[in-house]
Amino acid sequence: MEHAECAEQKGIVTGKQENKVTVRIERKSSCASCHARGACTSLDKQDKEIEVICDNAEQYEIGEEVTVLISTRLGLKAVAIAFVVPFVILFVTLLCCIFLFGLKEEVGSLLALFAVALYYVILFKARRVLNRQFVFSIRKNFA
């Protein structure tokens, strides 16, 4: 992947197998600039494990700092799948229930939430297919 068209995140190697490296990435929203970050238990600050399929897993050592990359296009696709599509489903279902079918707002809201929940169940069932589409790469950090 070219560097210019990739989103990258630093992480620590926590495991490796024959063709797979597991990297722990600490996700931080605005924590770096916050004065209370040491005492914070924010839900936005959490570790995420990412499995990177690679041919040269043996060159990485557990505890080593690396950079994980994903193409910007795939990152935008992930945002669309996770946030944009559910919002559209929620909004369209709600409007259809209220204006086309003449249902009460409460019923339309419940049906819209059910539609979004169904969408996420379908995404969960399709996770193997999605995992093959969203490919990460890994790069050593040279100090």
C-alpha atoms as a PDB file:
ATOM      1  CA  MET A   1       0.000   0.000   0.000  1.00  0.00           C
ATOM      2  CA  GLU A   2       1.187   3.496  -0.740  1.00  0.00           C
ATOM      3  CA  HIS A   3       1.717   5.633   2.333  1.00  0.00           C
ATOM      4  CA  ALA A   4      -0.285   8.609   0.991  1.00  0.00           C
ATOM      5  CA  GLU A   5      -3.512   6.672   0.560  1.00  0.00           C
ATOM      6  CA  CYS A   6      -3.432   4.834   3.885  1.00  0.00           C
ATOM      7  CA  ALA A   7      -4.682   5.449   7.376  1.00  0.00           C
ATOM      8  CA  GLU A   8      -2.132   4.284   9.912  1.00  0.00           C
ATOM      9  CA  GLN A   9      -2.072   3.571  13.627  1.00  0.00           C
ATOM     10  CA  LYS A  10       0.796   2.587  15.902  1.00  0.00           C
ATOM     11  CA  GLY A  11       0.443  -0.543  17.985  1.00  0.00           C
ATOM     12  CA  ILE A  12       2.280  -3.262  19.903  1.00  0.00           C
ATOM     13  CA  VAL A  13       2.664  -6.843  18.678  1.00  0.00           C
ATOM     14  CA  THR A  14       0.927  -9.129  21.190  1.00  0.00           C
ATOM     15  CA  GLY A  15       1.069 -12.407  19.326  1.00  0.00           C
ATOM     16  CA  LYS A  16       2.136 -14.114  16.142  1.00  0.00           C
ATOM     17  CA  GLN A  17       1.444 -17.304  14.268  1.00  0.00           C
ATOM     18  CA  GLU A  18       2.686 -18.718  10.988  1.00  0.00           C
ATOM     19  CA  ASN A  19       1.062 -16.091   8.765  1.00  0.00           C
ATOM     20  CA  LYS A  20      -0.699 -13.804  11.234  1.00  0.00           C
ATOM     21  CA  VAL A  21       0.415 -11.050  13.605  1.00  0.00           C
ATOM     22  CA  THR A  22      -1.849  -9.766  16.387  1.00  0.00           C
ATOM     23  CA  VAL A  23      -1.408  -6.085  17.201  1.00  0.00           C
ATOM     24  CA  ARG A  24      -2.897  -4.181  20.150  1.00  0.00           C
ATOM     25  CA  ILE A  25      -3.877  -0.627  19.318  1.00  0.00           C
ATOM     26  CA  GLU A  26      -4.906   1.837  21.998  1.00  0.00           C
ATOM     27  CA  ARG A  27      -7.747   3.894  20.605  1.00  0.00           C
ATOM     28  CA  LYS A  28      -7.764   7.432  21.915  1.00  0.00           C
ATOM     29  CA  SER A  29     -10.277  10.042  20.863  1.00  0.00           C
ATOM     30  CA  SER A  30      -9.189  13.358  22.326  1.00  0.00           C
ATOM     31  CA  CYS A  31      -7.311  11.847  25.228  1.00  0.00           C
ATOM     32  CA  ALA A  32      -3.854  13.057  24.227  1.00  0.00           C
ATOM     33  CA  SER A  33      -4.711  16.720  24.761  1.00  0.00           C
ATOM     34  CA  CYS A  34      -6.904  16.271  27.861  1.00  0.00           C
ATOM     35  CA  HIS A  35      -5.538  17.456  31.224  1.00  0.00           C
ATOM     36  CA  ALA A  36      -7.419  14.703  33.114  1.00  0.00           C
ATOM     37  CA  ARG A  37      -6.278  11.792  30.950  1.00  0.00           C
ATOM     38  CA  GLY A  38      -4.424  10.101  33.820  1.00  0.00           C
ATOM     39  CA  ALA A  39      -7.537   9.798  35.972  1.00  0.00           C
ATOM     40  CA  CYS A  40     -10.000   9.210  33.164  1.00  0.00           C
ATOM     41  CA  THR A  41     -12.001   6.035  32.638  1.00  0.00           C
ATOM     42  CA  SER A  42     -13.427   7.220  29.337  1.00  0.00           C
ATOM     43  CA  LEU A  43     -15.125   4.663  27.152  1.00  0.00           C
ATOM     44  CA  ASP A  44     -13.428   6.265  24.149  1.00  0.00           C
ATOM     45  CA  LYS A  45     -10.035   5.054  25.380  1.00  0.00           C
ATOM     46  CA  GLN A  46      -9.757   1.322  24.920  1.00  0.00           C
ATOM     47  CA  ASP A  47      -7.485  -1.244  23.375  1.00  0.00           C
ATOM     48  CA  LYS A  48      -8.372  -2.982  20.138  1.00  0.00           C
ATOM     49  CA  GLU A  49      -6.784  -6.201  18.902  1.00  0.00           C
ATOM     50  CA  ILE A  50      -6.237  -6.405  15.142  1.00  0.00           C
ATOM     51  CA  GLU A  51      -5.124  -9.525  13.318  1.00  0.00           C
ATOM     52  CA  VAL A  52      -2.927  -8.779  10.320  1.00  0.00           C
ATOM     53  CA  ILE A  53      -2.404 -11.533   7.758  1.00  0.00           C
ATOM     54  CA  CYS A  54       1.148 -11.379   6.399  1.00  0.00           C
ATOM     55  CA  ASP A  55       3.720 -13.666   4.810  1.00  0.00           C
ATOM     56  CA  ASN A  56       6.578 -12.523   7.048  1.00  0.00           C
ATOM     57  CA  ALA A  57       5.111 -12.870  10.546  1.00  0.00           C
ATOM     58  CA  GLU A  58       8.360 -14.356  11.856  1.00  0.00           C
ATOM     59  CA  GLN A  59      10.176 -11.014  11.486  1.00  0.00           C
ATOM     60  CA  TYR A  60       7.993  -9.389  14.158  1.00  0.00           C
ATOM     61  CA  GLU A  61       8.695  -9.847  17.863  1.00  0.00           C
ATOM     62  CA  ILE A  62       6.132  -9.782  20.665  1.00  0.00           C
ATOM     63  CA  GLY A  63       6.291  -6.371  22.356  1.00  0.00           C
ATOM     64  CA  GLU A  64       7.653  -4.647  19.248  1.00  0.00           C
ATOM     65  CA  GLU A  65       6.065  -1.358  18.176  1.00  0.00           C
ATOM     66  CA  VAL A  66       4.675  -1.483  14.639  1.00  0.00           C
ATOM     67  CA  THR A  67       2.383   0.536  12.395  1.00  0.00           C
ATOM     68  CA  VAL A  68      -0.848  -0.977  11.084  1.00  0.00           C
ATOM     69  CA  LEU A  69      -2.140   0.410   7.788  1.00  0.00           C
ATOM     70  CA  ILE A  70      -5.462   0.245   5.962  1.00  0.00           C
ATOM     71  CA  SER A  71      -6.302   1.966   2.704  1.00  0.00           C
ATOM     72  CA  THR A  72      -8.310   5.145   3.083  1.00  0.00           C
ATOM     73  CA  ARG A  73     -10.912   3.761   0.682  1.00  0.00           C
ATOM     74  CA  LEU A  74     -11.489   0.734   2.909  1.00  0.00           C
ATOM     75  CA  GLY A  75     -11.636   2.979   5.958  1.00  0.00           C
ATOM     76  CA  LEU A  76     -14.375   5.055   4.354  1.00  0.00           C
ATOM     77  CA  LYS A  77     -16.205   1.888   3.340  1.00  0.00           C
ATOM     78  CA  ALA A  78     -16.087   0.695   6.954  1.00  0.00           C
ATOM     79  CA  VAL A  79     -17.518   4.005   8.175  1.00  0.00           C
ATOM     80  CA  ALA A  80     -20.313   3.762   5.618  1.00  0.00           C
ATOM     81  CA  ILE A  81     -21.170   0.192   6.621  1.00  0.00           C
ATOM     82  CA  ALA A  82     -21.024   0.915  10.347  1.00  0.00           C
ATOM     83  CA  PHE A  83     -22.686   4.331  10.522  1.00  0.00           C
ATOM     84  CA  VAL A  84     -24.125   5.728   7.274  1.00  0.00           C
ATOM     85  CA  VAL A  85     -26.148   2.697   6.158  1.00  0.00           C
ATOM     86  CA  PRO A  86     -27.749   2.149   9.602  1.00  0.00           C
ATOM     87  CA  PHE A  87     -28.693   5.828   9.774  1.00  0.00           C
ATOM     88  CA  VAL A  88     -30.316   5.649   6.334  1.00  0.00           C
ATOM     89  CA  ILE A  89     -32.172   2.465   7.326  1.00  0.00           C
ATOM     90  CA  LEU A  90     -33.392   4.120  10.531  1.00  0.00           C
ATOM     91  CA  PHE A  91     -34.478   7.319   8.813  1.00  0.00           C
ATOM     92  CA  VAL A  92     -36.157   5.704   5.782  1.00  0.00           C
ATOM     93  CA  THR A  93     -37.953   3.096   7.897  1.00  0.00           C
ATOM     94  CA  LEU A  94     -39.230   5.766  10.263  1.00  0.00           C
ATOM     95  CA  LEU A  95     -40.465   7.994   7.432  1.00  0.00           C
ATOM     96  CA  CYS A  96     -42.128   5.080   5.619  1.00  0.00           C
ATOM     97  CA  CYS A  97     -43.872   3.878   8.764  1.00  0.00           C
ATOM     98  CA  ILE A  98     -45.220   7.307   9.643  1.00  0.00           C
ATOM     99  CA  PHE A  99     -46.027   8.838   6.262  1.00  0.00           C
ATOM    100  CA  LEU A 100     -46.686   5.854   3.971  1.00  0.00           C
ATOM    101  CA  PHE A 101     -48.320   3.457   6.406  1.00  0.00           C
ATOM    102  CA  GLY A 102     -49.824   6.023   8.782  1.00  0.00           C
ATOM    103  CA  LEU A 103     -48.450   4.398  11.930  1.00  0.00           C
ATOM    104  CA  LYS A 104     -47.940   6.289  15.168  1.00  0.00           C
ATOM    105  CA  GLU A 105     -44.494   7.739  15.789  1.00  0.00           C
ATOM    106  CA  GLU A 106     -43.889   5.343  18.683  1.00  0.00           C
ATOM    107  CA  VAL A 107     -44.604   2.290  16.527  1.00  0.00           C
ATOM    108  CA  GLY A 108     -42.577   3.689  13.639  1.00  0.00           C
ATOM    109  CA  SER A 109     -39.661   4.372  15.967  1.00  0.00           C
ATOM    110  CA  LEU A 110     -39.720   0.830  17.338  1.00  0.00           C
ATOM    111  CA  LEU A 111     -39.896  -0.641  13.836  1.00  0.00           C
ATOM    112  CA  ALA A 112     -37.017   1.580  12.711  1.00  0.00           C
ATOM    113  CA  LEU A 113     -34.895   0.427  15.657  1.00  0.00           C
ATOM    114  CA  PHE A 114     -35.815  -3.173  14.870  1.00  0.00           C
ATOM    115  CA  ALA A 115     -34.736  -2.646  11.240  1.00  0.00           C
ATOM    116  CA  VAL A 116     -31.348  -1.310  12.373  1.00  0.00           C
ATOM    117  CA  ALA A 117     -30.938  -4.198  14.822  1.00  0.00           C
ATOM    118  CA  LEU A 118     -31.720  -6.628  12.000  1.00  0.00           C
ATOM    119  CA  TYR A 119     -29.097  -4.907   9.839  1.00  0.00           C
ATOM    120  CA  TYR A 120     -26.457  -5.374  12.547  1.00  0.00           C
ATOM    121  CA  VAL A 121     -27.425  -9.051  12.950  1.00  0.00           C
ATOM    122  CA  ILE A 122     -26.941  -9.501   9.199  1.00  0.00           C
ATOM    123  CA  LEU A 123     -23.556  -7.755   9.446  1.00  0.00           C
ATOM    124  CA  PHE A 124     -22.568 -10.078  12.279  1.00  0.00           C
ATOM    125  CA  LYS A 125     -23.541 -13.123  10.216  1.00  0.00           C
ATOM    126  CA  ALA A 126     -21.517 -11.778   7.272  1.00  0.00           C
ATOM    127  CA  ARG A 127     -18.405 -11.005   9.337  1.00  0.00           C
ATOM    128  CA  ARG A 128     -16.262 -13.659   7.621  1.00  0.00           C
ATOM    129  CA  VAL A 129     -16.954 -12.128   4.219  1.00  0.00           C
ATOM    130  CA  LEU A 130     -16.282  -8.645   5.575  1.00  0.00           C
ATOM    131  CA  ASN A 131     -13.038  -9.786   7.226  1.00  0.00           C
ATOM    132  CA  ARG A 132     -11.767 -10.909   3.824  1.00  0.00           C
ATOM    133  CA  GLN A 133     -12.586  -7.513   2.309  1.00  0.00           C
ATOM    134  CA  PHE A 134     -10.978  -5.384   5.017  1.00  0.00           C
ATOM    135  CA  VAL A 135      -7.278  -6.172   4.761  1.00  0.00           C
ATOM    136  CA  PHE A 136      -4.720  -4.568   7.050  1.00  0.00           C
ATOM    137  CA  SER A 137      -0.993  -4.411   6.409  1.00  0.00           C
ATOM    138  CA  ILE A 138       1.825  -4.009   8.896  1.00  0.00           C
ATOM    139  CA  ARG A 139       5.124  -2.133   8.893  1.00  0.00           C
ATOM    140  CA  LYS A 140       8.030  -2.086  11.327  1.00  0.00           C
ATOM    141  CA  ASN A 141       8.772   1.203  13.060  1.00  0.00           C
ATOM    142  CA  PHE A 142      12.389   2.206  12.655  1.00  0.00           C
ATOM    143  CA  ALA A 143      13.650   4.541  15.351  1.00  0.00           C
END
